[in-house]
Amino acid sequence: MCSLSLITMLVVLSAIGGGSAVEYSVTNNAENTPGGAKFNTDIGADYSRQTLDAATNFIWDLFQQTNPADRKSVDGVSMFVDDMDGVAYASNNEIHVSARYINDFSGDVKREITGVLYHETTHVWQWNGNGQSVPGGLIEGIADFVRLKANYAPAHWVGPGGGDRWDQGYDVTARFLEYCDGLQSGFVAELNKKMRDGYSPSFFQELLGKSVDTLWADYKAAYAN
């Protein structure tokens, strides 16, 4: 008899907002590796599907996308556990997670992968400038901003005020975006909306009345001491 983890298990989970639904699948392609086995015992496909659904709803809420017309048109999100280097990546509504990373992680691996899934699920749903050049650090920073607001930021992240430039990416940019969101609640949601059709650094000026470089200087000064 085949193990369930060998089979792509599909469920349709109803999502909030206009009765829309997204189909989630989880496939463990690495179950014969130590990391794949650890995924089965410590995380599991059922929990991963539930997390993908929870992350999607959290992102829609954070991005203020209560109307399905405001979101990307995505019918399904597929997660794969693969025998690969790195941590994870998202591409074409697929999320690939490293079994090697799962195996080597020494802390609470279930919580860590939950945070990783919130980050990668953000890449599925966020707007990316409609083909225009967007700083990669901003794209990654928004994904980590979602992880931060979901309370899955790991202990090794930089604290508020850390980093060398606003578009450094990941935790650095996430902390900066949190500061900007504190200046105007819903700023990141509005920034994401603007990025549906394109991108310009002037979006910061339009939304907060200051250039992004001035905002970064203010941010650094606020945490200088």
N, C-alpha and C. Protein backbone atom coordinates (compact mmCIF):
# COMPACT_ATOMS: atom_id res chain seq x y z
N MET A 1 0.85 -1.20 0.00
CA MET A 1 0.00 0.00 0.00
C MET A 1 0.88 1.24 0.00
N CYS A 2 0.56 2.22 -0.83
CA CYS A 2 1.37 3.43 -0.94
C CYS A 2 1.14 4.33 0.25
N SER A 3 2.21 4.94 0.72
CA SER A 3 2.09 5.94 1.77
C SER A 3 1.36 7.15 1.22
N LEU A 4 0.53 7.77 2.07
CA LEU A 4 -0.21 8.95 1.63
C LEU A 4 0.73 10.05 1.19
N SER A 5 1.94 10.11 1.82
CA SER A 5 2.85 11.20 1.48
C SER A 5 3.43 11.04 0.08
N LEU A 6 3.25 9.84 -0.52
CA LEU A 6 3.72 9.65 -1.89
C LEU A 6 2.74 10.21 -2.90
N ILE A 7 1.55 10.49 -2.45
CA ILE A 7 0.48 10.91 -3.34
C ILE A 7 0.23 12.39 -3.16
N THR A 8 0.02 13.09 -4.24
CA THR A 8 -0.37 14.49 -4.14
C THR A 8 -1.78 14.54 -3.59
N MET A 9 -1.92 15.05 -2.37
CA MET A 9 -3.22 15.06 -1.72
C MET A 9 -3.88 16.41 -1.94
N LEU A 10 -5.07 16.41 -2.45
CA LEU A 10 -5.75 17.64 -2.82
C LEU A 10 -6.95 17.85 -1.92
N VAL A 11 -7.13 19.08 -1.51
CA VAL A 11 -8.35 19.49 -0.82
C VAL A 11 -8.73 20.85 -1.34
N VAL A 12 -9.99 21.13 -1.31
CA VAL A 12 -10.46 22.46 -1.65
C VAL A 12 -10.91 23.11 -0.36
N LEU A 13 -10.26 24.19 -0.01
CA LEU A 13 -10.56 24.89 1.21
C LEU A 13 -11.22 26.21 0.86
N SER A 14 -12.41 26.43 1.35
CA SER A 14 -13.11 27.67 1.05
C SER A 14 -12.37 28.82 1.68
N ALA A 15 -12.21 29.90 0.91
CA ALA A 15 -11.50 31.08 1.39
C ALA A 15 -12.48 32.22 1.55
N ILE A 16 -12.18 33.12 2.45
CA ILE A 16 -13.06 34.25 2.70
C ILE A 16 -13.04 35.17 1.50
N GLY A 17 -14.11 35.91 1.37
CA GLY A 17 -14.15 36.94 0.34
C GLY A 17 -14.82 36.46 -0.93
N GLY A 18 -16.10 36.76 -1.05
CA GLY A 18 -16.80 36.51 -2.31
C GLY A 18 -17.00 35.04 -2.62
N GLY A 19 -16.81 34.16 -1.62
CA GLY A 19 -17.06 32.75 -1.85
C GLY A 19 -16.03 32.08 -2.73
N SER A 20 -14.89 32.73 -2.97
CA SER A 20 -13.87 32.14 -3.82
C SER A 20 -13.17 31.02 -3.07
N ALA A 21 -12.56 30.13 -3.81
CA ALA A 21 -11.86 29.00 -3.19
C ALA A 21 -10.55 28.77 -3.92
N VAL A 22 -9.59 28.28 -3.19
CA VAL A 22 -8.28 27.96 -3.74
C VAL A 22 -7.99 26.50 -3.41
N GLU A 23 -7.45 25.78 -4.37
CA GLU A 23 -7.11 24.38 -4.16
C GLU A 23 -5.64 24.28 -3.78
N TYR A 24 -5.35 23.52 -2.72
CA TYR A 24 -3.98 23.38 -2.24
C TYR A 24 -3.55 21.93 -2.35
N SER A 25 -2.33 21.71 -2.80
CA SER A 25 -1.77 20.37 -2.85
C SER A 25 -0.39 20.36 -2.22
N VAL A 26 -0.06 19.25 -1.60
CA VAL A 26 1.26 19.08 -0.97
C VAL A 26 1.82 17.73 -1.41
N THR A 27 3.03 17.75 -1.95
CA THR A 27 3.69 16.54 -2.43
C THR A 27 5.09 16.46 -1.83
N ASN A 28 5.38 15.35 -1.19
CA ASN A 28 6.71 15.13 -0.64
C ASN A 28 7.52 14.30 -1.64
N ASN A 29 8.38 14.97 -2.39
CA ASN A 29 9.21 14.28 -3.37
C ASN A 29 10.49 13.73 -2.76
N ALA A 30 10.68 13.97 -1.47
CA ALA A 30 11.96 13.61 -0.84
C ALA A 30 11.77 12.73 0.38
N GLU A 31 10.70 11.99 0.42
CA GLU A 31 10.41 11.24 1.64
C GLU A 31 11.42 10.14 1.94
N ASN A 32 12.23 9.77 0.96
CA ASN A 32 13.28 8.77 1.19
C ASN A 32 14.57 9.38 1.69
N THR A 33 14.56 10.70 1.93
CA THR A 33 15.71 11.39 2.50
C THR A 33 15.42 11.71 3.96
N PRO A 34 16.46 11.99 4.77
CA PRO A 34 16.22 12.33 6.18
C PRO A 34 15.30 13.53 6.34
N GLY A 35 15.49 14.55 5.48
CA GLY A 35 14.65 15.73 5.59
C GLY A 35 13.21 15.47 5.20
N GLY A 36 13.02 14.64 4.19
CA GLY A 36 11.67 14.28 3.79
C GLY A 36 10.95 13.49 4.87
N ALA A 37 11.68 12.59 5.52
CA ALA A 37 11.10 11.82 6.62
C ALA A 37 10.77 12.74 7.80
N LYS A 38 11.66 13.72 8.05
CA LYS A 38 11.41 14.67 9.14
C LYS A 38 10.20 15.53 8.84
N PHE A 39 10.02 15.89 7.57
CA PHE A 39 8.82 16.64 7.19
C PHE A 39 7.57 15.85 7.55
N ASN A 40 7.55 14.57 7.22
CA ASN A 40 6.38 13.74 7.50
C ASN A 40 6.08 13.65 9.00
N THR A 41 7.10 13.52 9.81
CA THR A 41 6.88 13.31 11.24
C THR A 41 6.67 14.61 12.02
N ASP A 42 7.37 15.69 11.61
CA ASP A 42 7.35 16.92 12.41
C ASP A 42 6.43 18.01 11.85
N ILE A 43 6.06 17.91 10.59
CA ILE A 43 5.24 18.96 9.97
C ILE A 43 3.99 18.34 9.34
N GLY A 44 4.17 17.60 8.29
CA GLY A 44 3.07 16.87 7.68
C GLY A 44 2.34 17.62 6.58
N ALA A 45 1.75 16.86 5.68
CA ALA A 45 1.03 17.45 4.54
C ALA A 45 -0.25 18.15 4.98
N ASP A 46 -0.98 17.56 5.92
CA ASP A 46 -2.24 18.18 6.36
C ASP A 46 -1.98 19.54 6.97
N TYR A 47 -0.99 19.61 7.86
CA TYR A 47 -0.67 20.90 8.49
C TYR A 47 -0.20 21.91 7.44
N SER A 48 0.56 21.45 6.48
CA SER A 48 1.06 22.35 5.44
C SER A 48 -0.08 22.93 4.61
N ARG A 49 -1.05 22.11 4.26
CA ARG A 49 -2.21 22.61 3.51
C ARG A 49 -2.99 23.63 4.34
N GLN A 50 -3.17 23.33 5.61
CA GLN A 50 -3.87 24.26 6.49
C GLN A 50 -3.11 25.59 6.58
N THR A 51 -1.78 25.50 6.61
CA THR A 51 -0.96 26.70 6.70
C THR A 51 -1.04 27.52 5.42
N LEU A 52 -1.02 26.86 4.28
CA LEU A 52 -1.17 27.57 3.00
C LEU A 52 -2.49 28.32 2.95
N ASP A 53 -3.55 27.68 3.43
CA ASP A 53 -4.86 28.32 3.45
C ASP A 53 -4.88 29.49 4.42
N ALA A 54 -4.33 29.29 5.62
CA ALA A 54 -4.29 30.36 6.62
C ALA A 54 -3.46 31.53 6.13
N ALA A 55 -2.34 31.22 5.50
CA ALA A 55 -1.46 32.28 4.98
C ALA A 55 -2.17 33.07 3.89
N THR A 56 -2.86 32.39 3.00
CA THR A 56 -3.59 33.08 1.93
C THR A 56 -4.61 34.04 2.49
N ASN A 57 -5.39 33.60 3.44
CA ASN A 57 -6.40 34.47 4.04
C ASN A 57 -5.78 35.63 4.80
N PHE A 58 -4.67 35.36 5.47
CA PHE A 58 -3.97 36.41 6.20
C PHE A 58 -3.45 37.47 5.23
N ILE A 59 -2.89 37.03 4.11
CA ILE A 59 -2.36 37.96 3.11
C ILE A 59 -3.47 38.79 2.49
N TRP A 60 -4.57 38.15 2.13
CA TRP A 60 -5.70 38.91 1.58
C TRP A 60 -6.16 39.99 2.56
N ASP A 61 -6.20 39.65 3.82
CA ASP A 61 -6.64 40.61 4.83
C ASP A 61 -5.63 41.73 4.99
N LEU A 62 -4.35 41.38 5.08
CA LEU A 62 -3.30 42.38 5.26
C LEU A 62 -3.21 43.30 4.05
N PHE A 63 -3.40 42.75 2.86
CA PHE A 63 -3.35 43.53 1.62
C PHE A 63 -4.68 44.22 1.31
N GLN A 64 -5.65 44.05 2.21
CA GLN A 64 -6.97 44.67 2.05
C GLN A 64 -7.62 44.27 0.73
N GLN A 65 -7.57 42.98 0.45
CA GLN A 65 -8.12 42.44 -0.80
C GLN A 65 -9.37 41.61 -0.51
N THR A 66 -10.39 42.26 0.05
CA THR A 66 -11.63 41.56 0.37
C THR A 66 -12.41 41.21 -0.89
N ASN A 67 -12.18 41.95 -1.96
CA ASN A 67 -12.84 41.69 -3.23
C ASN A 67 -11.94 40.82 -4.11
N PRO A 68 -12.44 39.67 -4.59
CA PRO A 68 -11.60 38.82 -5.44
C PRO A 68 -11.02 39.54 -6.65
N ALA A 69 -11.69 40.58 -7.13
CA ALA A 69 -11.18 41.32 -8.29
C ALA A 69 -9.88 42.05 -7.98
N ASP A 70 -9.60 42.25 -6.69
CA ASP A 70 -8.38 42.95 -6.28
C ASP A 70 -7.17 42.03 -6.23
N ARG A 71 -7.40 40.72 -6.36
CA ARG A 71 -6.33 39.74 -6.18
C ARG A 71 -5.86 39.18 -7.51
N LYS A 72 -4.74 38.51 -7.46
CA LYS A 72 -4.33 37.70 -8.60
C LYS A 72 -5.34 36.58 -8.80
N SER A 73 -5.48 36.14 -10.03
CA SER A 73 -6.36 35.03 -10.32
C SER A 73 -5.56 33.74 -10.19
N VAL A 74 -5.70 33.11 -9.05
CA VAL A 74 -4.95 31.88 -8.76
C VAL A 74 -5.95 30.83 -8.28
N ASP A 75 -6.06 29.74 -8.99
CA ASP A 75 -6.99 28.68 -8.63
C ASP A 75 -6.39 27.67 -7.66
N GLY A 76 -5.07 27.52 -7.73
CA GLY A 76 -4.44 26.52 -6.88
C GLY A 76 -3.01 26.86 -6.54
N VAL A 77 -2.59 26.40 -5.39
CA VAL A 77 -1.21 26.57 -4.93
C VAL A 77 -0.66 25.19 -4.60
N SER A 78 0.46 24.86 -5.19
CA SER A 78 1.06 23.53 -4.97
C SER A 78 2.37 23.67 -4.21
N MET A 79 2.51 22.86 -3.19
CA MET A 79 3.75 22.84 -2.40
C MET A 79 4.47 21.51 -2.63
N PHE A 80 5.79 21.60 -2.80
CA PHE A 80 6.60 20.41 -2.99
C PHE A 80 7.77 20.42 -2.00
N VAL A 81 8.01 19.31 -1.38
CA VAL A 81 9.21 19.12 -0.57
C VAL A 81 10.22 18.41 -1.45
N ASP A 82 11.33 19.09 -1.73
CA ASP A 82 12.32 18.57 -2.68
C ASP A 82 13.68 18.39 -2.02
N ASP A 83 14.44 17.46 -2.54
CA ASP A 83 15.82 17.25 -2.10
C ASP A 83 16.69 18.26 -2.83
N MET A 84 16.86 19.44 -2.22
CA MET A 84 17.57 20.54 -2.88
C MET A 84 18.27 21.39 -1.84
N ASP A 85 19.18 22.23 -2.31
CA ASP A 85 19.86 23.18 -1.43
C ASP A 85 18.95 24.39 -1.20
N GLY A 86 19.42 25.30 -0.35
CA GLY A 86 18.65 26.51 -0.07
C GLY A 86 17.57 26.27 0.96
N VAL A 87 16.59 27.18 0.97
CA VAL A 87 15.48 27.09 1.93
C VAL A 87 14.18 26.79 1.19
N ALA A 88 13.78 27.71 0.31
CA ALA A 88 12.52 27.56 -0.42
C ALA A 88 12.47 28.60 -1.53
N TYR A 89 11.59 28.37 -2.50
CA TYR A 89 11.34 29.38 -3.51
C TYR A 89 9.93 29.18 -4.06
N ALA A 90 9.39 30.24 -4.64
CA ALA A 90 8.06 30.18 -5.25
C ALA A 90 8.18 30.52 -6.73
N SER A 91 7.44 29.79 -7.56
CA SER A 91 7.45 30.02 -9.00
C SER A 91 6.17 29.46 -9.60
N ASN A 92 5.47 30.31 -10.37
CA ASN A 92 4.26 29.85 -11.07
C ASN A 92 3.27 29.14 -10.15
N ASN A 93 2.99 29.78 -9.01
CA ASN A 93 2.02 29.27 -8.04
C ASN A 93 2.45 27.95 -7.41
N GLU A 94 3.73 27.67 -7.49
CA GLU A 94 4.30 26.51 -6.82
C GLU A 94 5.28 26.98 -5.76
N ILE A 95 5.28 26.29 -4.64
CA ILE A 95 6.22 26.57 -3.56
C ILE A 95 7.06 25.32 -3.35
N HIS A 96 8.37 25.48 -3.45
CA HIS A 96 9.30 24.36 -3.27
C HIS A 96 10.10 24.58 -1.99
N VAL A 97 10.08 23.60 -1.11
CA VAL A 97 10.75 23.69 0.18
C VAL A 97 11.85 22.64 0.25
N SER A 98 12.98 23.03 0.78
CA SER A 98 14.15 22.15 0.83
C SER A 98 14.07 21.13 1.96
N ALA A 99 14.10 19.87 1.61
CA ALA A 99 14.15 18.81 2.62
C ALA A 99 15.47 18.86 3.39
N ARG A 100 16.53 19.30 2.72
CA ARG A 100 17.83 19.40 3.40
C ARG A 100 17.77 20.47 4.48
N TYR A 101 17.10 21.58 4.20
CA TYR A 101 16.95 22.63 5.20
C TYR A 101 16.14 22.13 6.38
N ILE A 102 15.07 21.42 6.09
CA ILE A 102 14.25 20.85 7.17
C ILE A 102 15.09 19.93 8.04
N ASN A 103 15.91 19.10 7.41
CA ASN A 103 16.72 18.15 8.17
C ASN A 103 17.77 18.85 9.03
N ASP A 104 18.36 19.90 8.50
CA ASP A 104 19.46 20.56 9.20
C ASP A 104 19.01 21.58 10.23
N PHE A 105 17.74 21.99 10.19
CA PHE A 105 17.26 23.01 11.12
C PHE A 105 17.19 22.42 12.53
N SER A 106 17.82 23.11 13.48
CA SER A 106 17.95 22.54 14.82
C SER A 106 16.90 23.02 15.81
N GLY A 107 16.15 24.07 15.45
CA GLY A 107 15.15 24.60 16.37
C GLY A 107 13.77 24.00 16.12
N ASP A 108 12.74 24.79 16.36
CA ASP A 108 11.36 24.37 16.15
C ASP A 108 11.09 24.40 14.65
N VAL A 109 11.27 23.28 14.00
CA VAL A 109 11.20 23.24 12.54
C VAL A 109 9.78 23.49 12.03
N LYS A 110 8.78 23.10 12.80
CA LYS A 110 7.40 23.32 12.37
C LYS A 110 7.09 24.81 12.32
N ARG A 111 7.52 25.55 13.34
CA ARG A 111 7.31 26.99 13.35
C ARG A 111 8.12 27.66 12.24
N GLU A 112 9.35 27.22 12.04
CA GLU A 112 10.20 27.80 11.01
C GLU A 112 9.59 27.62 9.62
N ILE A 113 9.14 26.43 9.32
CA ILE A 113 8.56 26.18 8.00
C ILE A 113 7.22 26.90 7.86
N THR A 114 6.51 27.08 8.94
CA THR A 114 5.28 27.88 8.89
C THR A 114 5.62 29.30 8.43
N GLY A 115 6.66 29.89 9.02
CA GLY A 115 7.08 31.22 8.61
C GLY A 115 7.54 31.25 7.16
N VAL A 116 8.27 30.23 6.75
CA VAL A 116 8.72 30.14 5.36
C VAL A 116 7.52 30.09 4.41
N LEU A 117 6.50 29.35 4.79
CA LEU A 117 5.32 29.24 3.93
C LEU A 117 4.55 30.55 3.85
N TYR A 118 4.50 31.31 4.93
CA TYR A 118 3.87 32.64 4.86
C TYR A 118 4.64 33.53 3.89
N HIS A 119 5.96 33.48 3.95
CA HIS A 119 6.80 34.26 3.03
C HIS A 119 6.56 33.84 1.58
N GLU A 120 6.64 32.56 1.32
CA GLU A 120 6.52 32.10 -0.06
C GLU A 120 5.10 32.26 -0.60
N THR A 121 4.10 32.09 0.25
CA THR A 121 2.72 32.29 -0.20
C THR A 121 2.49 33.75 -0.57
N THR A 122 3.18 34.66 0.10
CA THR A 122 3.09 36.07 -0.28
C THR A 122 3.55 36.27 -1.72
N HIS A 123 4.60 35.58 -2.12
CA HIS A 123 5.08 35.70 -3.50
C HIS A 123 4.01 35.24 -4.51
N VAL A 124 3.19 34.29 -4.11
CA VAL A 124 2.12 33.84 -5.00
C VAL A 124 1.11 34.96 -5.23
N TRP A 125 0.81 35.73 -4.17
CA TRP A 125 -0.30 36.68 -4.22
C TRP A 125 0.11 38.13 -4.45
N GLN A 126 1.32 38.52 -4.12
CA GLN A 126 1.68 39.93 -4.21
C GLN A 126 1.79 40.39 -5.66
N TRP A 127 1.52 41.69 -5.89
CA TRP A 127 1.74 42.28 -7.20
C TRP A 127 3.21 42.64 -7.35
N ASN A 128 3.73 42.52 -8.57
CA ASN A 128 5.18 42.68 -8.76
C ASN A 128 5.54 43.70 -9.83
N GLY A 129 4.65 44.67 -10.06
CA GLY A 129 5.00 45.74 -10.99
C GLY A 129 4.64 45.49 -12.43
N ASN A 130 3.93 44.40 -12.70
CA ASN A 130 3.45 44.13 -14.07
C ASN A 130 4.59 44.15 -15.08
N GLY A 131 5.68 43.51 -14.73
CA GLY A 131 6.80 43.39 -15.66
C GLY A 131 7.80 44.52 -15.61
N GLN A 132 7.48 45.61 -14.91
CA GLN A 132 8.42 46.70 -14.77
C GLN A 132 9.48 46.35 -13.73
N SER A 133 10.57 47.05 -13.78
CA SER A 133 11.68 46.77 -12.87
C SER A 133 11.32 47.19 -11.45
N VAL A 134 11.29 46.23 -10.56
CA VAL A 134 11.02 46.46 -9.14
C VAL A 134 12.23 45.96 -8.36
N PRO A 135 12.71 46.72 -7.38
CA PRO A 135 13.83 46.22 -6.58
C PRO A 135 13.50 44.85 -5.98
N GLY A 136 14.38 43.89 -6.24
CA GLY A 136 14.15 42.56 -5.68
C GLY A 136 14.06 42.59 -4.17
N GLY A 137 14.80 43.52 -3.56
CA GLY A 137 14.76 43.64 -2.12
C GLY A 137 13.40 44.05 -1.60
N LEU A 138 12.66 44.84 -2.40
CA LEU A 138 11.31 45.24 -1.99
C LEU A 138 10.35 44.06 -2.06
N ILE A 139 10.47 43.27 -3.13
CA ILE A 139 9.62 42.08 -3.26
C ILE A 139 9.83 41.14 -2.08
N GLU A 140 11.10 40.88 -1.76
CA GLU A 140 11.41 39.98 -0.64
C GLU A 140 11.05 40.63 0.70
N GLY A 141 11.22 41.95 0.77
CA GLY A 141 10.89 42.64 2.01
C GLY A 141 9.41 42.60 2.32
N ILE A 142 8.57 42.73 1.30
CA ILE A 142 7.12 42.63 1.51
C ILE A 142 6.76 41.23 1.99
N ALA A 143 7.40 40.21 1.42
CA ALA A 143 7.13 38.83 1.85
C ALA A 143 7.53 38.62 3.30
N ASP A 144 8.67 39.19 3.69
CA ASP A 144 9.07 39.06 5.09
C ASP A 144 8.25 39.97 6.00
N PHE A 145 7.72 41.07 5.47
CA PHE A 145 6.79 41.91 6.25
C PHE A 145 5.56 41.10 6.63
N VAL A 146 5.04 40.32 5.69
CA VAL A 146 3.90 39.45 5.98
C VAL A 146 4.27 38.45 7.07
N ARG A 147 5.44 37.84 6.94
CA ARG A 147 5.89 36.88 7.95
C ARG A 147 6.02 37.55 9.31
N LEU A 148 6.52 38.78 9.32
CA LEU A 148 6.68 39.54 10.55
C LEU A 148 5.33 39.82 11.20
N LYS A 149 4.36 40.30 10.41
CA LYS A 149 3.05 40.63 10.96
C LYS A 149 2.28 39.40 11.39
N ALA A 150 2.62 38.25 10.83
CA ALA A 150 1.98 36.99 11.24
C ALA A 150 2.64 36.41 12.49
N ASN A 151 3.64 37.10 13.02
CA ASN A 151 4.37 36.68 14.23
C ASN A 151 5.17 35.40 14.04
N TYR A 152 5.76 35.27 12.85
CA TYR A 152 6.65 34.14 12.59
C TYR A 152 8.07 34.59 12.25
N ALA A 153 8.45 35.77 12.73
CA ALA A 153 9.82 36.24 12.51
C ALA A 153 10.77 35.45 13.40
N PRO A 154 11.84 34.89 12.83
CA PRO A 154 12.79 34.14 13.64
C PRO A 154 13.69 35.06 14.47
N ALA A 155 14.30 34.51 15.48
CA ALA A 155 15.10 35.30 16.42
C ALA A 155 16.33 35.92 15.78
N HIS A 156 16.84 35.33 14.70
CA HIS A 156 18.09 35.83 14.11
C HIS A 156 17.88 37.05 13.22
N TRP A 157 16.65 37.47 12.98
CA TRP A 157 16.41 38.66 12.15
C TRP A 157 17.00 39.90 12.80
N VAL A 158 17.34 40.89 11.98
CA VAL A 158 17.79 42.16 12.52
C VAL A 158 16.65 42.82 13.26
N GLY A 159 17.00 43.66 14.24
CA GLY A 159 15.98 44.39 14.97
C GLY A 159 15.59 45.64 14.23
N PRO A 160 14.59 46.37 14.71
CA PRO A 160 14.20 47.64 14.10
C PRO A 160 15.39 48.58 14.00
N GLY A 161 15.55 49.22 12.86
CA GLY A 161 16.66 50.14 12.64
C GLY A 161 17.88 49.50 12.03
N GLY A 162 17.87 48.19 11.86
CA GLY A 162 19.03 47.49 11.33
C GLY A 162 19.13 47.59 9.82
N GLY A 163 20.30 47.32 9.29
CA GLY A 163 20.49 47.28 7.86
C GLY A 163 21.20 48.50 7.29
N ASP A 164 21.59 48.39 6.03
CA ASP A 164 22.39 49.42 5.37
C ASP A 164 21.61 50.24 4.34
N ARG A 165 20.55 49.67 3.77
CA ARG A 165 19.76 50.43 2.79
C ARG A 165 18.33 49.90 2.80
N TRP A 166 17.40 50.72 2.34
CA TRP A 166 15.99 50.37 2.47
C TRP A 166 15.60 49.16 1.63
N ASP A 167 16.28 48.96 0.49
CA ASP A 167 15.93 47.85 -0.39
C ASP A 167 16.92 46.69 -0.26
N GLN A 168 17.51 46.57 0.91
CA GLN A 168 18.43 45.47 1.17
C GLN A 168 17.71 44.12 1.12
N GLY A 169 16.44 44.14 1.40
CA GLY A 169 15.63 42.94 1.26
C GLY A 169 15.38 42.21 2.56
N TYR A 170 14.50 41.23 2.47
CA TYR A 170 14.19 40.31 3.56
C TYR A 170 13.90 41.05 4.87
N ASP A 171 14.56 40.65 5.97
CA ASP A 171 14.22 41.21 7.28
C ASP A 171 14.51 42.70 7.37
N VAL A 172 15.58 43.17 6.72
CA VAL A 172 15.91 44.59 6.78
C VAL A 172 14.78 45.44 6.19
N THR A 173 14.36 45.09 4.99
CA THR A 173 13.29 45.84 4.34
C THR A 173 11.96 45.63 5.05
N ALA A 174 11.74 44.43 5.60
CA ALA A 174 10.51 44.17 6.35
C ALA A 174 10.40 45.11 7.55
N ARG A 175 11.49 45.31 8.26
CA ARG A 175 11.48 46.21 9.43
C ARG A 175 11.21 47.65 8.98
N PHE A 176 11.79 48.05 7.85
CA PHE A 176 11.56 49.40 7.33
C PHE A 176 10.10 49.56 6.91
N LEU A 177 9.54 48.56 6.27
CA LEU A 177 8.15 48.63 5.86
C LEU A 177 7.23 48.68 7.08
N GLU A 178 7.61 47.99 8.14
CA GLU A 178 6.82 48.05 9.37
C GLU A 178 6.82 49.48 9.92
N TYR A 179 7.97 50.15 9.85
CA TYR A 179 8.05 51.56 10.27
C TYR A 179 7.14 52.42 9.41
N CYS A 180 7.20 52.23 8.10
CA CYS A 180 6.35 53.02 7.19
C CYS A 180 4.87 52.74 7.45
N ASP A 181 4.54 51.49 7.71
CA ASP A 181 3.16 51.13 7.99
C ASP A 181 2.69 51.76 9.30
N GLY A 182 3.64 51.99 10.20
CA GLY A 182 3.31 52.68 11.44
C GLY A 182 3.01 54.15 11.23
N LEU A 183 3.60 54.73 10.19
CA LEU A 183 3.32 56.13 9.87
C LEU A 183 1.94 56.28 9.28
N GLN A 184 1.51 55.29 8.52
CA GLN A 184 0.17 55.29 7.92
C GLN A 184 -0.31 53.85 7.85
N SER A 185 -1.28 53.53 8.68
CA SER A 185 -1.79 52.17 8.72
C SER A 185 -2.31 51.76 7.34
N GLY A 186 -1.89 50.60 6.88
CA GLY A 186 -2.30 50.12 5.57
C GLY A 186 -1.38 50.55 4.45
N PHE A 187 -0.23 51.15 4.80
CA PHE A 187 0.70 51.61 3.78
C PHE A 187 1.15 50.47 2.86
N VAL A 188 1.52 49.34 3.43
CA VAL A 188 2.02 48.23 2.60
C VAL A 188 0.91 47.71 1.69
N ALA A 189 -0.31 47.69 2.18
CA ALA A 189 -1.44 47.28 1.33
C ALA A 189 -1.59 48.24 0.15
N GLU A 190 -1.48 49.53 0.42
CA GLU A 190 -1.60 50.52 -0.65
C GLU A 190 -0.43 50.44 -1.62
N LEU A 191 0.76 50.19 -1.10
CA LEU A 191 1.94 50.03 -1.95
C LEU A 191 1.76 48.83 -2.87
N ASN A 192 1.28 47.73 -2.30
CA ASN A 192 1.05 46.53 -3.12
C ASN A 192 0.01 46.80 -4.21
N LYS A 193 -1.04 47.53 -3.88
CA LYS A 193 -2.07 47.87 -4.88
C LYS A 193 -1.46 48.65 -6.04
N LYS A 194 -0.59 49.61 -5.71
CA LYS A 194 0.04 50.41 -6.75
C LYS A 194 0.93 49.56 -7.65
N MET A 195 1.50 48.51 -7.09
CA MET A 195 2.42 47.67 -7.86
C MET A 195 1.70 46.70 -8.78
N ARG A 196 0.39 46.77 -8.80
CA ARG A 196 -0.37 45.92 -9.73
C ARG A 196 -0.07 46.30 -11.18
N ASP A 197 0.09 47.57 -11.44
CA ASP A 197 0.25 48.05 -12.81
C ASP A 197 1.65 48.54 -13.14
N GLY A 198 2.51 48.67 -12.17
CA GLY A 198 3.86 49.17 -12.43
C GLY A 198 4.59 49.43 -11.13
N TYR A 199 5.68 50.13 -11.24
CA TYR A 199 6.45 50.48 -10.03
C TYR A 199 7.20 51.78 -10.25
N SER A 200 7.25 52.59 -9.19
CA SER A 200 8.07 53.79 -9.16
C SER A 200 8.44 54.08 -7.71
N PRO A 201 9.68 54.52 -7.45
CA PRO A 201 10.05 54.92 -6.09
C PRO A 201 9.16 56.06 -5.58
N SER A 202 8.51 56.77 -6.50
CA SER A 202 7.65 57.88 -6.10
C SER A 202 6.41 57.40 -5.34
N PHE A 203 6.14 56.10 -5.37
CA PHE A 203 4.99 55.57 -4.61
C PHE A 203 5.12 55.94 -3.13
N PHE A 204 6.34 55.93 -2.61
CA PHE A 204 6.54 56.28 -1.20
C PHE A 204 6.16 57.73 -0.96
N GLN A 205 6.58 58.62 -1.87
CA GLN A 205 6.26 60.03 -1.78
C GLN A 205 4.74 60.24 -1.86
N GLU A 206 4.11 59.55 -2.77
CA GLU A 206 2.67 59.70 -2.98
C GLU A 206 1.89 59.24 -1.75
N LEU A 207 2.35 58.20 -1.10
CA LEU A 207 1.61 57.63 0.03
C LEU A 207 1.96 58.26 1.37
N LEU A 208 3.22 58.66 1.54
CA LEU A 208 3.67 59.13 2.84
C LEU A 208 4.19 60.57 2.82
N GLY A 209 4.25 61.19 1.65
CA GLY A 209 4.66 62.59 1.58
C GLY A 209 6.15 62.82 1.67
N LYS A 210 6.94 61.76 1.62
CA LYS A 210 8.39 61.87 1.67
C LYS A 210 9.00 60.86 0.71
N SER A 211 10.18 61.18 0.20
CA SER A 211 10.87 60.22 -0.66
C SER A 211 11.30 59.01 0.15
N VAL A 212 11.53 57.91 -0.54
CA VAL A 212 11.94 56.70 0.17
C VAL A 212 13.29 56.90 0.86
N ASP A 213 14.18 57.69 0.25
CA ASP A 213 15.48 57.93 0.88
C ASP A 213 15.34 58.76 2.16
N THR A 214 14.43 59.74 2.15
CA THR A 214 14.18 60.53 3.36
C THR A 214 13.54 59.66 4.44
N LEU A 215 12.62 58.81 4.03
CA LEU A 215 11.98 57.90 4.99
C LEU A 215 13.00 56.96 5.62
N TRP A 216 13.94 56.48 4.81
CA TRP A 216 14.98 55.59 5.32
C TRP A 216 15.86 56.34 6.33
N ALA A 217 16.21 57.59 6.00
CA ALA A 217 17.02 58.39 6.92
C ALA A 217 16.27 58.63 8.22
N ASP A 218 14.97 58.93 8.13
CA ASP A 218 14.16 59.12 9.33
C ASP A 218 14.10 57.84 10.16
N TYR A 219 13.95 56.73 9.48
CA TYR A 219 13.88 55.42 10.13
C TYR A 219 15.16 55.12 10.89
N LYS A 220 16.29 55.34 10.24
CA LYS A 220 17.58 55.09 10.89
C LYS A 220 17.77 56.01 12.09
N ALA A 221 17.36 57.27 11.93
CA ALA A 221 17.51 58.24 13.03
C ALA A 221 16.61 57.86 14.19
N ALA A 222 15.44 57.32 13.91
CA ALA A 222 14.50 56.97 14.98
C ALA A 222 15.04 55.88 15.88
N TYR A 223 15.91 55.03 15.33
CA TYR A 223 16.46 53.91 16.12
C TYR A 223 17.96 54.07 16.38
N ALA A 224 18.48 55.30 16.17
CA ALA A 224 19.94 55.52 16.31
C ALA A 224 20.40 55.26 17.73
N ASN A 225 19.56 55.53 18.69
CA ASN A 225 19.97 55.37 20.09
C ASN A 225 19.36 54.14 20.74
